[in-house]
C-alpha atoms as a PDB file:
ATOM      1  CA  MET A   1       0.035   0.038   0.030  1.00  0.00           C
ATOM      2  CA  THR A   2       1.526   3.345  -1.101  1.00  0.00           C
ATOM      3  CA  HIS A   3       1.669   5.947   1.680  1.00  0.00           C
ATOM      4  CA  HIS A   4       1.101   9.545   0.524  1.00  0.00           C
ATOM      5  CA  PRO A   5       2.530  12.234   2.867  1.00  0.00           C
ATOM      6  CA  LYS A   6       0.013  14.477   4.562  1.00  0.00           C
ATOM      7  CA  PRO A   7      -0.300  17.778   2.526  1.00  0.00           C
ATOM      8  CA  THR A   8       0.910  20.948   4.355  1.00  0.00           C
ATOM      9  CA  SER A   9       0.148  24.631   4.109  1.00  0.00           C
ATOM     10  CA  PHE A  10       3.604  25.004   2.489  1.00  0.00           C
ATOM     11  CA  ASP A  11       2.384  22.648  -0.381  1.00  0.00           C
ATOM     12  CA  ILE A  12      -0.692  24.802  -0.852  1.00  0.00           C
ATOM     13  CA  ALA A  13       1.479  28.007  -0.817  1.00  0.00           C
ATOM     14  CA  GLN A  14       3.718  26.610  -3.535  1.00  0.00           C
ATOM     15  CA  LEU A  15       0.834  25.646  -5.910  1.00  0.00           C
ATOM     16  CA  ALA A  16      -0.945  28.952  -5.185  1.00  0.00           C
ATOM     17  CA  GLY A  17       2.199  31.089  -5.737  1.00  0.00           C
ATOM     18  CA  VAL A  18       1.752  32.913  -2.316  1.00  0.00           C
ATOM     19  CA  SER A  19       3.460  32.806   0.982  1.00  0.00           C
ATOM     20  CA  GLN A  20       2.634  30.125   3.697  1.00  0.00           C
ATOM     21  CA  PRO A  21       1.310  32.872   6.108  1.00  0.00           C
ATOM     22  CA  THR A  22      -1.118  34.067   3.362  1.00  0.00           C
ATOM     23  CA  VAL A  23      -2.460  30.502   3.158  1.00  0.00           C
ATOM     24  CA  SER A  24      -3.019  30.404   7.029  1.00  0.00           C
ATOM     25  CA  ARG A  25      -4.832  33.759   6.805  1.00  0.00           C
ATOM     26  CA  ALA A  26      -6.945  32.666   3.993  1.00  0.00           C
ATOM     27  CA  LEU A  27      -8.016  29.343   5.542  1.00  0.00           C
ATOM     28  CA  ARG A  28      -8.960  31.200   8.710  1.00  0.00           C
ATOM     29  CA  GLY A  29     -11.185  33.586   6.669  1.00  0.00           C
ATOM     30  CA  SER A  30      -9.073  36.730   7.278  1.00  0.00           C
ATOM     31  CA  THR A  31     -10.301  39.742   5.426  1.00  0.00           C
ATOM     32  CA  THR A  32      -6.770  40.829   4.742  1.00  0.00           C
ATOM     33  CA  VAL A  33      -6.480  38.260   1.955  1.00  0.00           C
ATOM     34  CA  SER A  34      -8.408  39.184  -1.320  1.00  0.00           C
ATOM     35  CA  GLU A  35     -11.414  37.163  -2.088  1.00  0.00           C
ATOM     36  CA  GLN A  36      -9.733  35.972  -5.392  1.00  0.00           C
ATOM     37  CA  THR A  37      -6.746  34.747  -3.625  1.00  0.00           C
ATOM     38  CA  ARG A  38      -8.712  33.081  -0.890  1.00  0.00           C
ATOM     39  CA  LYS A  39     -10.833  31.221  -3.317  1.00  0.00           C
ATOM     40  CA  ARG A  40      -7.873  30.018  -5.176  1.00  0.00           C
ATOM     41  CA  ILE A  41      -6.268  28.804  -1.914  1.00  0.00           C
ATOM     42  CA  GLU A  42      -9.486  27.036  -0.660  1.00  0.00           C
ATOM     43  CA  ALA A  43      -9.816  25.219  -4.028  1.00  0.00           C
ATOM     44  CA  ILE A  44      -6.263  23.901  -3.814  1.00  0.00           C
ATOM     45  CA  ALA A  45      -6.696  22.878  -0.161  1.00  0.00           C
ATOM     46  CA  HIS A  46      -9.880  20.961  -1.157  1.00  0.00           C
ATOM     47  CA  GLN A  47      -8.157  19.379  -4.085  1.00  0.00           C
ATOM     48  CA  LEU A  48      -5.274  18.118  -1.662  1.00  0.00           C
ATOM     49  CA  ASN A  49      -7.830  17.135   0.914  1.00  0.00           C
ATOM     50  CA  TYR A  50      -5.943  19.425   3.299  1.00  0.00           C
ATOM     51  CA  LYS A  51      -7.321  19.654   6.849  1.00  0.00           C
ATOM     52  CA  VAL A  52      -6.275  22.471   9.172  1.00  0.00           C
ATOM     53  CA  ASP A  53      -4.428  21.489  12.335  1.00  0.00           C
ATOM     54  CA  LYS A  54      -6.452  23.606  14.863  1.00  0.00           C
ATOM     55  CA  ASN A  55      -3.742  23.251  17.552  1.00  0.00           C
ATOM     56  CA  ALA A  56      -0.936  24.405  15.294  1.00  0.00           C
ATOM     57  CA  SER A  57      -3.125  27.123  13.803  1.00  0.00           C
ATOM     58  CA  SER A  58      -3.869  28.416  17.234  1.00  0.00           C
ATOM     59  CA  LEU A  59      -0.071  28.505  18.070  1.00  0.00           C
ATOM     60  CA  ARG A  60       0.648  30.506  14.910  1.00  0.00           C
ATOM     61  CA  ARG A  61      -2.098  33.087  15.695  1.00  0.00           C
ATOM     62  CA  GLN A  62      -0.397  33.984  18.955  1.00  0.00           C
ATOM     63  CA  GLN A  63       0.288  37.618  18.773  1.00  0.00           C
ATOM     64  CA  THR A  64       3.576  39.398  19.580  1.00  0.00           C
ATOM     65  CA  ASN A  65       2.045  42.708  20.880  1.00  0.00           C
ATOM     66  CA  THR A  66       4.761  44.355  18.813  1.00  0.00           C
ATOM     67  CA  ILE A  67       4.372  46.761  15.832  1.00  0.00           C
ATOM     68  CA  ALA A  68       7.216  47.203  13.389  1.00  0.00           C
ATOM     69  CA  LEU A  69       7.973  50.793  12.241  1.00  0.00           C
ATOM     70  CA  LEU A  70       9.898  50.863   8.982  1.00  0.00           C
ATOM     71  CA  PHE A  71      11.608  53.952   7.844  1.00  0.00           C
ATOM     72  CA  PHE A  72      12.752  54.602   4.240  1.00  0.00           C
ATOM     73  CA  GLU A  73      16.308  55.941   4.151  1.00  0.00           C
ATOM     74  CA  ASP A  74      16.289  59.527   3.227  1.00  0.00           C
ATOM     75  CA  PRO A  75      19.572  61.428   2.168  1.00  0.00           C
ATOM     76  CA  THR A  76      20.362  63.779   5.038  1.00  0.00           C
ATOM     77  CA  PRO A  77      23.372  65.798   5.938  1.00  0.00           C
ATOM     78  CA  ASP A  78      23.893  63.794   9.083  1.00  0.00           C
ATOM     79  CA  ASP A  79      24.000  60.006   9.668  1.00  0.00           C
ATOM     80  CA  SER A  80      20.431  59.596  10.702  1.00  0.00           C
ATOM     81  CA  LEU A  81      19.043  59.074   7.171  1.00  0.00           C
ATOM     82  CA  ILE A  82      15.715  59.927   8.489  1.00  0.00           C
ATOM     83  CA  ASN A  83      13.477  62.671   7.273  1.00  0.00           C
ATOM     84  CA  PRO A  84      13.174  65.328  10.093  1.00  0.00           C
ATOM     85  CA  PHE A  85       9.334  65.286   9.835  1.00  0.00           C
ATOM     86  CA  PHE A  86       9.210  61.606  10.607  1.00  0.00           C
ATOM     87  CA  LEU A  87      11.534  62.025  13.608  1.00  0.00           C
ATOM     88  CA  SER A  88       8.818  64.432  14.949  1.00  0.00           C
ATOM     89  CA  MET A  89       6.119  61.831  14.304  1.00  0.00           C
ATOM     90  CA  LEU A  90       8.182  59.098  16.013  1.00  0.00           C
ATOM     91  CA  GLY A  91       7.365  60.428  19.400  1.00  0.00           C
ATOM     92  CA  SER A  92       3.708  60.430  18.927  1.00  0.00           C
ATOM     93  CA  ILE A  93       3.905  56.784  17.513  1.00  0.00           C
ATOM     94  CA  THR A  94       6.004  55.697  20.467  1.00  0.00           C
ATOM     95  CA  ARG A  95       3.717  57.100  23.093  1.00  0.00           C
ATOM     96  CA  THR A  96       0.492  55.869  21.352  1.00  0.00           C
ATOM     97  CA  CYS A  97       2.094  52.252  21.213  1.00  0.00           C
ATOM     98  CA  ALA A  98       2.781  52.426  24.789  1.00  0.00           C
ATOM     99  CA  GLN A  99      -0.725  53.727  25.692  1.00  0.00           C
ATOM    100  CA  ARG A 100      -2.195  50.757  23.727  1.00  0.00           C
ATOM    101  CA  GLY A 101       0.122  48.091  25.411  1.00  0.00           C
ATOM    102  CA  TYR A 102       2.314  47.501  22.347  1.00  0.00           C
ATOM    103  CA  ASP A 103       5.978  47.358  21.900  1.00  0.00           C
ATOM    104  CA  LEU A 104       7.654  49.216  18.924  1.00  0.00           C
ATOM    105  CA  LEU A 105      10.278  47.661  16.750  1.00  0.00           C
ATOM    106  CA  ILE A 106      12.084  50.251  14.531  1.00  0.00           C
ATOM    107  CA  SER A 107      14.058  49.430  11.468  1.00  0.00           C
ATOM    108  CA  PHE A 108      15.015  50.857   8.011  1.00  0.00           C
ATOM    109  CA  GLN A 109      13.350  49.656   4.911  1.00  0.00           C
ATOM    110  CA  GLN A 110      15.857  47.875   2.645  1.00  0.00           C
ATOM    111  CA  LEU A 111      14.183  48.454  -0.683  1.00  0.00           C
ATOM    112  CA  SER A 112      16.820  46.320  -2.469  1.00  0.00           C
ATOM    113  CA  SER A 113      15.808  43.274  -0.399  1.00  0.00           C
ATOM    114  CA  ASN A 114      12.505  41.543   0.483  1.00  0.00           C
ATOM    115  CA  TRP A 115      11.899  43.720   3.538  1.00  0.00           C
ATOM    116  CA  HIS A 116       8.201  43.008   3.100  1.00  0.00           C
ATOM    117  CA  MET A 117       8.649  39.331   3.907  1.00  0.00           C
ATOM    118  CA  ASP A 118      10.661  39.776   7.186  1.00  0.00           C
ATOM    119  CA  PHE A 119       8.358  41.076   9.852  1.00  0.00           C
ATOM    120  CA  GLU A 120       4.823  39.804  10.183  1.00  0.00           C
ATOM    121  CA  ASP A 121       5.527  36.699   8.221  1.00  0.00           C
ATOM    122  CA  SER A 122       8.258  35.671  10.598  1.00  0.00           C
ATOM    123  CA  ARG A 123       6.102  36.745  13.525  1.00  0.00           C
ATOM    124  CA  LYS A 124       8.397  39.437  14.792  1.00  0.00           C
ATOM    125  CA  ALA A 125       5.514  41.791  14.730  1.00  0.00           C
ATOM    126  CA  ASP A 126       1.682  41.807  14.277  1.00  0.00           C
ATOM    127  CA  GLY A 127       1.799  44.675  11.766  1.00  0.00           C
ATOM    128  CA  ILE A 128       3.803  47.257   9.991  1.00  0.00           C
ATOM    129  CA  ILE A 129       3.702  51.077   9.881  1.00  0.00           C
ATOM    130  CA  LEU A 130       5.570  52.468   6.729  1.00  0.00           C
ATOM    131  CA  LEU A 131       7.153  55.986   6.727  1.00  0.00           C
ATOM    132  CA  GLY A 132       8.651  57.304   3.504  1.00  0.00           C
ATOM    133  CA  TYR A 133       8.970  55.621   0.120  1.00  0.00           C
ATOM    134  CA  GLY A 134      11.260  57.604  -2.130  1.00  0.00           C
ATOM    135  CA  ASP A 135      10.137  57.130  -5.756  1.00  0.00           C
ATOM    136  CA  TYR A 136       6.573  55.930  -5.550  1.00  0.00           C
ATOM    137  CA  GLU A 137       6.593  54.536  -8.999  1.00  0.00           C
ATOM    138  CA  LEU A 138       9.247  52.015  -7.761  1.00  0.00           C
ATOM    139  CA  TYR A 139       7.617  51.593  -4.385  1.00  0.00           C
ATOM    140  CA  HIS A 140       4.011  50.786  -5.590  1.00  0.00           C
ATOM    141  CA  ALA A 141       4.804  47.139  -6.481  1.00  0.00           C
ATOM    142  CA  ARG A 142       6.068  46.453  -2.798  1.00  0.00           C
ATOM    143  CA  LEU A 143       2.780  47.716  -1.511  1.00  0.00           C
ATOM    144  CA  GLU A 144       0.775  45.471  -3.845  1.00  0.00           C
ATOM    145  CA  LYS A 145       2.807  42.552  -2.674  1.00  0.00           C
ATOM    146  CA  LEU A 146       2.017  43.336   0.984  1.00  0.00           C
ATOM    147  CA  VAL A 147      -1.633  43.314   0.000  1.00  0.00           C
ATOM    148  CA  GLU A 148      -1.251  40.040  -1.772  1.00  0.00           C
ATOM    149  CA  GLN A 149       0.317  38.217   1.056  1.00  0.00           C
ATOM    150  CA  GLY A 150      -2.205  39.582   3.588  1.00  0.00           C
ATOM    151  CA  THR A 151       0.255  41.594   5.757  1.00  0.00           C
ATOM    152  CA  HIS A 152      -1.333  44.106   8.196  1.00  0.00           C
ATOM    153  CA  PHE A 153       0.142  47.435   7.281  1.00  0.00           C
ATOM    154  CA  VAL A 154      -0.566  51.130   7.119  1.00  0.00           C
ATOM    155  CA  ARG A 155       1.494  53.866   5.709  1.00  0.00           C
ATOM    156  CA  TRP A 156       1.901  57.607   5.869  1.00  0.00           C
ATOM    157  CA  GLY A 157       1.667  59.152   2.495  1.00  0.00           C
ATOM    158  CA  PHE A 158      -0.498  60.644  -0.256  1.00  0.00           C
ATOM    159  CA  VAL A 159      -3.939  59.407  -0.610  1.00  0.00           C
ATOM    160  CA  GLN A 160      -5.766  58.532  -3.850  1.00  0.00           C
ATOM    161  CA  PRO A 161      -8.644  56.113  -4.823  1.00  0.00           C
ATOM    162  CA  GLY A 162      -7.691  52.492  -5.639  1.00  0.00           C
ATOM    163  CA  GLN A 163      -4.130  52.601  -4.137  1.00  0.00           C
ATOM    164  CA  PRO A 164      -2.843  49.425  -2.394  1.00  0.00           C
ATOM    165  CA  GLY A 165      -3.456  49.015   1.307  1.00  0.00           C
ATOM    166  CA  THR A 166      -4.586  51.538   3.972  1.00  0.00           C
ATOM    167  CA  THR A 167      -3.046  55.076   4.152  1.00  0.00           C
ATOM    168  CA  ILE A 168      -3.044  57.962   6.547  1.00  0.00           C
ATOM    169  CA  GLY A 169      -2.091  61.244   4.852  1.00  0.00           C
ATOM    170  CA  CYS A 170      -2.157  65.046   4.824  1.00  0.00           C
ATOM    171  CA  ASP A 171      -4.301  67.175   2.679  1.00  0.00           C
ATOM    172  CA  ASN A 172      -1.369  68.206   0.496  1.00  0.00           C
ATOM    173  CA  PHE A 173      -3.516  69.826  -2.236  1.00  0.00           C
ATOM    174  CA  ARG A 174      -5.352  72.138   0.383  1.00  0.00           C
ATOM    175  CA  GLY A 175      -2.053  72.770   2.028  1.00  0.00           C
ATOM    176  CA  GLY A 176      -0.522  73.934  -1.375  1.00  0.00           C
ATOM    177  CA  TYR A 177      -3.534  76.149  -2.131  1.00  0.00           C
ATOM    178  CA  ASP A 178      -3.700  77.801   1.205  1.00  0.00           C
ATOM    179  CA  ALA A 179       0.069  78.644   1.067  1.00  0.00           C
ATOM    180  CA  THR A 180      -0.258  80.014  -2.426  1.00  0.00           C
ATOM    181  CA  GLN A 181      -3.340  82.119  -1.479  1.00  0.00           C
ATOM    182  CA  HIS A 182      -1.367  83.593   1.294  1.00  0.00           C
ATOM    183  CA  LEU A 183       1.465  84.587  -1.146  1.00  0.00           C
ATOM    184  CA  ILE A 184      -1.070  86.266  -3.334  1.00  0.00           C
ATOM    185  CA  SER A 185      -2.807  88.019  -0.533  1.00  0.00           C
ATOM    186  CA  ILE A 186       0.544  89.821   0.133  1.00  0.00           C
ATOM    187  CA  GLY A 187       0.912  90.856  -3.369  1.00  0.00           C
ATOM    188  CA  ARG A 188       3.030  88.158  -4.873  1.00  0.00           C
ATOM    189  CA  ARG A 189       2.284  87.287  -8.483  1.00  0.00           C
ATOM    190  CA  ARG A 190       5.285  85.435  -9.825  1.00  0.00           C
ATOM    191  CA  ILE A 191       5.317  82.449  -7.671  1.00  0.00           C
ATOM    192  CA  ALA A 192       7.990  79.701  -8.230  1.00  0.00           C
ATOM    193  CA  PHE A 193       7.476  76.036  -7.039  1.00  0.00           C
ATOM    194  CA  LEU A 194      10.534  73.955  -6.091  1.00  0.00           C
ATOM    195  CA  GLY A 195       9.847  70.354  -5.880  1.00  0.00           C
ATOM    196  CA  ASP A 196       9.295  67.144  -8.248  1.00  0.00           C
ATOM    197  CA  ALA A 197       5.833  67.631  -9.465  1.00  0.00           C
ATOM    198  CA  SER A 198       5.272  64.130 -11.003  1.00  0.00           C
ATOM    199  CA  SER A 199       3.770  60.706 -10.201  1.00  0.00           C
ATOM    200  CA  HIS A 200       7.254  59.749  -8.806  1.00  0.00           C
ATOM    201  CA  TYR A 201       6.713  62.039  -5.822  1.00  0.00           C
ATOM    202  CA  PRO A 202       2.835  62.252  -5.556  1.00  0.00           C
ATOM    203  CA  GLU A 203       2.799  64.325  -2.278  1.00  0.00           C
ATOM    204  CA  PHE A 204       4.877  67.098  -3.906  1.00  0.00           C
ATOM    205  CA  HIS A 205       2.633  66.859  -7.082  1.00  0.00           C
ATOM    206  CA  ASP A 206      -0.538  67.477  -4.883  1.00  0.00           C
ATOM    207  CA  ARG A 207       1.057  70.411  -3.324  1.00  0.00           C
ATOM    208  CA  TYR A 208       2.047  71.752  -6.796  1.00  0.00           C
ATOM    209  CA  ARG A 209      -1.483  71.165  -8.031  1.00  0.00           C
ATOM    210  CA  GLY A 210      -2.861  73.198  -5.016  1.00  0.00           C
ATOM    211  CA  CYS A 211      -0.348  75.990  -5.893  1.00  0.00           C
ATOM    212  CA  CYS A 212      -1.507  76.067  -9.473  1.00  0.00           C
ATOM    213  CA  GLU A 213      -5.230  76.072  -8.666  1.00  0.00           C
ATOM    214  CA  ALA A 214      -4.850  78.986  -6.262  1.00  0.00           C
ATOM    215  CA  GLN A 215      -3.172  80.971  -8.889  1.00  0.00           C
ATOM    216  CA  LYS A 216      -5.779  80.219 -11.493  1.00  0.00           C
ATOM    217  CA  SER A 217      -8.652  81.144  -9.029  1.00  0.00           C
ATOM    218  CA  SER A 218      -6.933  84.459  -8.651  1.00  0.00           C
ATOM    219  CA  GLY A 219      -6.617  85.109 -12.380  1.00  0.00           C
ATOM    220  CA  ILE A 220      -2.882  84.594 -12.416  1.00  0.00           C
ATOM    221  CA  ARG A 221      -1.371  82.599 -15.184  1.00  0.00           C
ATOM    222  CA  VAL A 222       0.705  79.642 -14.175  1.00  0.00           C
ATOM    223  CA  ALA A 223       4.148  79.720 -15.753  1.00  0.00           C
ATOM    224  CA  ASN A 224       5.653  76.235 -16.183  1.00  0.00           C
ATOM    225  CA  ASP A 225       9.164  77.553 -16.216  1.00  0.00           C
ATOM    226  CA  ARG A 226       8.762  78.666 -12.515  1.00  0.00           C
ATOM    227  CA  GLN A 227       8.522  74.875 -11.437  1.00  0.00           C
ATOM    228  CA  ILE A 228      11.936  73.420 -10.712  1.00  0.00           C
ATOM    229  CA  ASN A 229      12.406  69.784  -9.656  1.00  0.00           C
ATOM    230  CA  ALA A 230      13.864  69.138  -6.318  1.00  0.00           C
ATOM    231  CA  ILE A 231      13.866  66.124  -4.018  1.00  0.00           C
ATOM    232  CA  ASN A 232      13.468  66.401  -0.200  1.00  0.00           C
ATOM    233  CA  THR A 233      16.960  67.537   0.790  1.00  0.00           C
ATOM    234  CA  GLU A 234      18.379  71.028   1.693  1.00  0.00           C
ATOM    235  CA  GLN A 235      21.106  70.578  -1.008  1.00  0.00           C
ATOM    236  CA  SER A 236      18.442  69.971  -3.771  1.00  0.00           C
ATOM    237  CA  GLY A 237      16.629  73.130  -2.629  1.00  0.00           C
ATOM    238  CA  TYR A 238      19.786  75.096  -2.866  1.00  0.00           C
ATOM    239  CA  ASP A 239      20.506  73.668  -6.428  1.00  0.00           C
ATOM    240  CA  ALA A 240      16.878  74.354  -7.532  1.00  0.00           C
ATOM    241  CA  ALA A 241      16.879  77.914  -6.270  1.00  0.00           C
ATOM    242  CA  MET A 242      20.284  78.526  -7.869  1.00  0.00           C
ATOM    243  CA  ALA A 243      18.908  77.259 -11.246  1.00  0.00           C
ATOM    244  CA  LEU A 244      16.012  79.703 -10.725  1.00  0.00           C
ATOM    245  CA  ILE A 245      18.186  82.633  -9.870  1.00  0.00           C
ATOM    246  CA  ASN A 246      20.556  81.893 -12.835  1.00  0.00           C
ATOM    247  CA  SER A 247      17.633  81.703 -15.268  1.00  0.00           C
ATOM    248  CA  SER A 248      15.923  84.616 -16.946  1.00  0.00           C
ATOM    249  CA  VAL A 249      12.624  83.715 -15.155  1.00  0.00           C
ATOM    250  CA  LYS A 250      11.270  86.520 -12.966  1.00  0.00           C
ATOM    251  CA  PHE A 251       9.886  85.555  -9.604  1.00  0.00           C
ATOM    252  CA  ASP A 252       8.849  87.216  -6.300  1.00  0.00           C
ATOM    253  CA  ALA A 253       8.017  84.206  -4.210  1.00  0.00           C
ATOM    254  CA  ILE A 254       9.026  80.513  -3.784  1.00  0.00           C
ATOM    255  CA  PHE A 255       6.676  77.865  -2.575  1.00  0.00           C
ATOM    256  CA  ALA A 256       8.932  74.942  -1.701  1.00  0.00           C
ATOM    257  CA  ALA A 257       7.473  71.332  -1.534  1.00  0.00           C
ATOM    258  CA  SER A 258       9.167  70.873   1.902  1.00  0.00           C
ATOM    259  CA  ASP A 259      10.933  72.635   4.536  1.00  0.00           C
ATOM    260  CA  LEU A 260      14.233  71.198   3.725  1.00  0.00           C
ATOM    261  CA  ILE A 261      13.975  72.454   0.167  1.00  0.00           C
ATOM    262  CA  ALA A 262      12.774  75.868   1.453  1.00  0.00           C
ATOM    263  CA  ILE A 263      15.849  76.088   3.794  1.00  0.00           C
ATOM    264  CA  GLY A 264      18.212  75.348   1.048  1.00  0.00           C
ATOM    265  CA  ALA A 265      16.514  77.966  -1.127  1.00  0.00           C
ATOM    266  CA  ILE A 266      16.856  80.592   1.555  1.00  0.00           C
ATOM    267  CA  ARG A 267      20.587  79.774   1.710  1.00  0.00           C
ATOM    268  CA  ALA A 268      20.847  80.336  -2.206  1.00  0.00           C
ATOM    269  CA  LEU A 269      18.910  83.584  -1.980  1.00  0.00           C
ATOM    270  CA  GLU A 270      21.000  84.932   0.876  1.00  0.00           C
ATOM    271  CA  GLY A 271      24.146  83.996  -0.970  1.00  0.00           C
ATOM    272  CA  ASN A 272      22.966  86.128  -3.878  1.00  0.00           C
ATOM    273  CA  ASN A 273      22.061  89.057  -1.855  1.00  0.00           C
ATOM    274  CA  VAL A 274      18.224  88.579  -2.384  1.00  0.00           C
ATOM    275  CA  ALA A 275      16.427  90.025   0.628  1.00  0.00           C
ATOM    276  CA  ILE A 276      13.741  87.787   2.292  1.00  0.00           C
ATOM    277  CA  PRO A 277      10.951  88.748   2.473  1.00  0.00           C
ATOM    278  CA  GLN A 278      11.379  92.149   0.977  1.00  0.00           C
ATOM    279  CA  HIS A 279      12.289  90.951  -2.495  1.00  0.00           C
ATOM    280  CA  VAL A 280      11.205  87.315  -2.417  1.00  0.00           C
ATOM    281  CA  SER A 281       8.835  85.532  -0.021  1.00  0.00           C
ATOM    282  CA  VAL A 282       9.416  81.929   0.846  1.00  0.00           C
ATOM    283  CA  VAL A 283       7.063  79.117   2.065  1.00  0.00           C
ATOM    284  CA  GLY A 284       7.859  75.522   3.006  1.00  0.00           C
ATOM    285  CA  PHE A 285       5.797  72.536   3.976  1.00  0.00           C
ATOM    286  CA  ASP A 286       5.993  70.240   7.066  1.00  0.00           C
ATOM    287  CA  ASP A 287       6.832  72.594   9.879  1.00  0.00           C
ATOM    288  CA  ILE A 288       9.853  70.662  11.018  1.00  0.00           C
ATOM    289  CA  PRO A 289      11.737  71.980  14.162  1.00  0.00           C
ATOM    290  CA  ALA A 290      14.458  73.709  11.878  1.00  0.00           C
ATOM    291  CA  ALA A 291      11.610  75.758  10.286  1.00  0.00           C
ATOM    292  CA  SER A 292      11.179  78.088  13.163  1.00  0.00           C
ATOM    293  CA  LEU A 293      14.977  78.415  13.664  1.00  0.00           C
ATOM    294  CA  ALA A 294      15.653  79.477  10.000  1.00  0.00           C
ATOM    295  CA  HIS A 295      16.745  82.951   9.229  1.00  0.00           C
ATOM    296  CA  PRO A 296      14.340  84.412   8.668  1.00  0.00           C
ATOM    297  CA  PRO A 297      11.840  82.004  10.383  1.00  0.00           C
ATOM    298  CA  LEU A 298      10.061  79.948   7.863  1.00  0.00           C
ATOM    299  CA  THR A 299       6.412  80.370   6.890  1.00  0.00           C
ATOM    300  CA  THR A 300       5.208  76.797   6.356  1.00  0.00           C
ATOM    301  CA  VAL A 301       2.305  74.334   6.081  1.00  0.00           C
ATOM    302  CA  GLN A 302       2.102  72.340   9.337  1.00  0.00           C
ATOM    303  CA  GLN A 303       1.279  68.591   9.217  1.00  0.00           C
ATOM    304  CA  ASP A 304      -0.150  67.480  12.507  1.00  0.00           C
ATOM    305  CA  TYR A 305       2.472  64.872  13.463  1.00  0.00           C
ATOM    306  CA  LYS A 306       0.829  64.143  16.873  1.00  0.00           C
ATOM    307  CA  ARG A 307      -2.449  63.183  15.383  1.00  0.00           C
ATOM    308  CA  ALA A 308      -0.740  61.490  12.424  1.00  0.00           C
ATOM    309  CA  GLY A 309       1.179  59.144  14.802  1.00  0.00           C
ATOM    310  CA  GLU A 310      -1.973  58.276  16.797  1.00  0.00           C
ATOM    311  CA  SER A 311      -4.002  57.576  13.603  1.00  0.00           C
ATOM    312  CA  LEU A 312      -1.250  55.318  12.150  1.00  0.00           C
ATOM    313  CA  VAL A 313      -1.129  53.161  15.323  1.00  0.00           C
ATOM    314  CA  ASP A 314      -4.942  53.021  16.023  1.00  0.00           C
ATOM    315  CA  THR A 315      -5.579  52.288  12.218  1.00  0.00           C
ATOM    316  CA  LEU A 316      -2.977  49.512  12.283  1.00  0.00           C
ATOM    317  CA  LEU A 317      -4.459  48.002  15.374  1.00  0.00           C
ATOM    318  CA  LYS A 318      -7.904  47.791  13.760  1.00  0.00           C
ATOM    319  CA  LEU A 319      -6.323  45.966  10.871  1.00  0.00           C
ATOM    320  CA  ILE A 320      -4.642  43.485  13.163  1.00  0.00           C
ATOM    321  CA  ARG A 321      -7.991  42.809  14.873  1.00  0.00           C
ATOM    322  CA  ASN A 322      -9.610  42.213  11.425  1.00  0.00           C
ATOM    323  CA  GLU A 323     -11.805  45.304  11.783  1.00  0.00           C
ATOM    324  CA  LYS A 324     -12.683  47.767   9.135  1.00  0.00           C
ATOM    325  CA  ALA A 325     -10.067  50.481   8.894  1.00  0.00           C
ATOM    326  CA  ASP A 326     -10.403  53.416   6.426  1.00  0.00           C
ATOM    327  CA  THR A 327      -7.783  55.443   4.600  1.00  0.00           C
ATOM    328  CA  SER A 328      -8.046  59.035   5.968  1.00  0.00           C
ATOM    329  CA  VAL A 329      -6.778  62.593   5.189  1.00  0.00           C
ATOM    330  CA  LEU A 330      -5.645  64.898   8.004  1.00  0.00           C
ATOM    331  CA  PRO A 331      -6.002  68.762   7.583  1.00  0.00           C
ATOM    332  CA  ALA A 332      -3.034  70.911   7.046  1.00  0.00           C
ATOM    333  CA  LYS A 333      -2.519  74.341   8.777  1.00  0.00           C
ATOM    334  CA  LEU A 334      -0.619  77.354   7.422  1.00  0.00           C
ATOM    335  CA  ILE A 335       1.893  78.771   9.979  1.00  0.00           C
ATOM    336  CA  ILE A 336       2.965  82.324   9.089  1.00  0.00           C
ATOM    337  CA  ARG A 337       6.439  83.608  10.036  1.00  0.00           C
ATOM    338  CA  LYS A 338       8.750  86.339   8.855  1.00  0.00           C
ATOM    339  CA  SER A 339       9.885  84.662   5.572  1.00  0.00           C
ATOM    340  CA  CYS A 340       6.565  85.442   4.120  1.00  0.00           C
ATOM    341  CA  MET A 341       5.245  88.816   5.366  1.00  0.00           C
ATOM    342  CA  ALA A 342       3.538  91.636   3.536  1.00  0.00           C
ATOM    343  CA  ARG A 343       6.060  94.194   2.072  1.00  0.00           C
END
């Protein structure tokens, strides 16, 4: 009599083309696995006459009471490699985790490796918070993979319909609109935008769209040559402002897509004897601690990092409990300082 080995969840995973944890989630009816994937896994399990080992399943479901916080490495002048805005958010995330009875595991996202396989699937953490992503066009596939394998995750970033997973974000469009309206209200008409305004950096793009809409609503023609690409570093802001200064383009205001870009732009303007705000007004975005310490202090759009951290943790805990958790957009607030005052 031929003995056939008992089928395992790893056999199902191989045939279904998914990870073993995804099989486990699907067979226990988790809503984190798409219906299409769940049906495919159930059909294969039925075909193999697979029976769930309830004792083993119960053991695997034991939670770690730990959340993994993954930072994307940002280019910074120091060795932190962390966007200063996310450092501000870190305190709120840490406090909220402690209040909810969870430990926090912090690590960098290694985009060159399969970081998305390392945490919940190896039971180091019950879910993941993602901060930062660099080029979104490259990052998008990783998010789809997380959804496919049923990982509990939430990220901070831009919000649009149909994107993978659950996102908490800021109203970047409104923030860009309000910042530009303020510039217009103090008499600025030739407004330059420093920041990559493309699908690669969608948060910057939304801020630029808000900037353009505010100009249009005030009857101001949007000049494409006043948009200069820059990534989220002070050096990139300096380089973009220098390119603007050295061009033949006239401008009397700069709206920078981030505070770091704005601080770099201020350095370039001062180095070329351009008085701020007398000749050129400057606005940033984020309200990092360095914004109020800049010379002159930087007018900026504030993102509520305290509420953001709380929302990220609480939304992830809902996902871990298999409860409904919605993507949400938090309001932005214009903070007016001396870099952008009426002449």
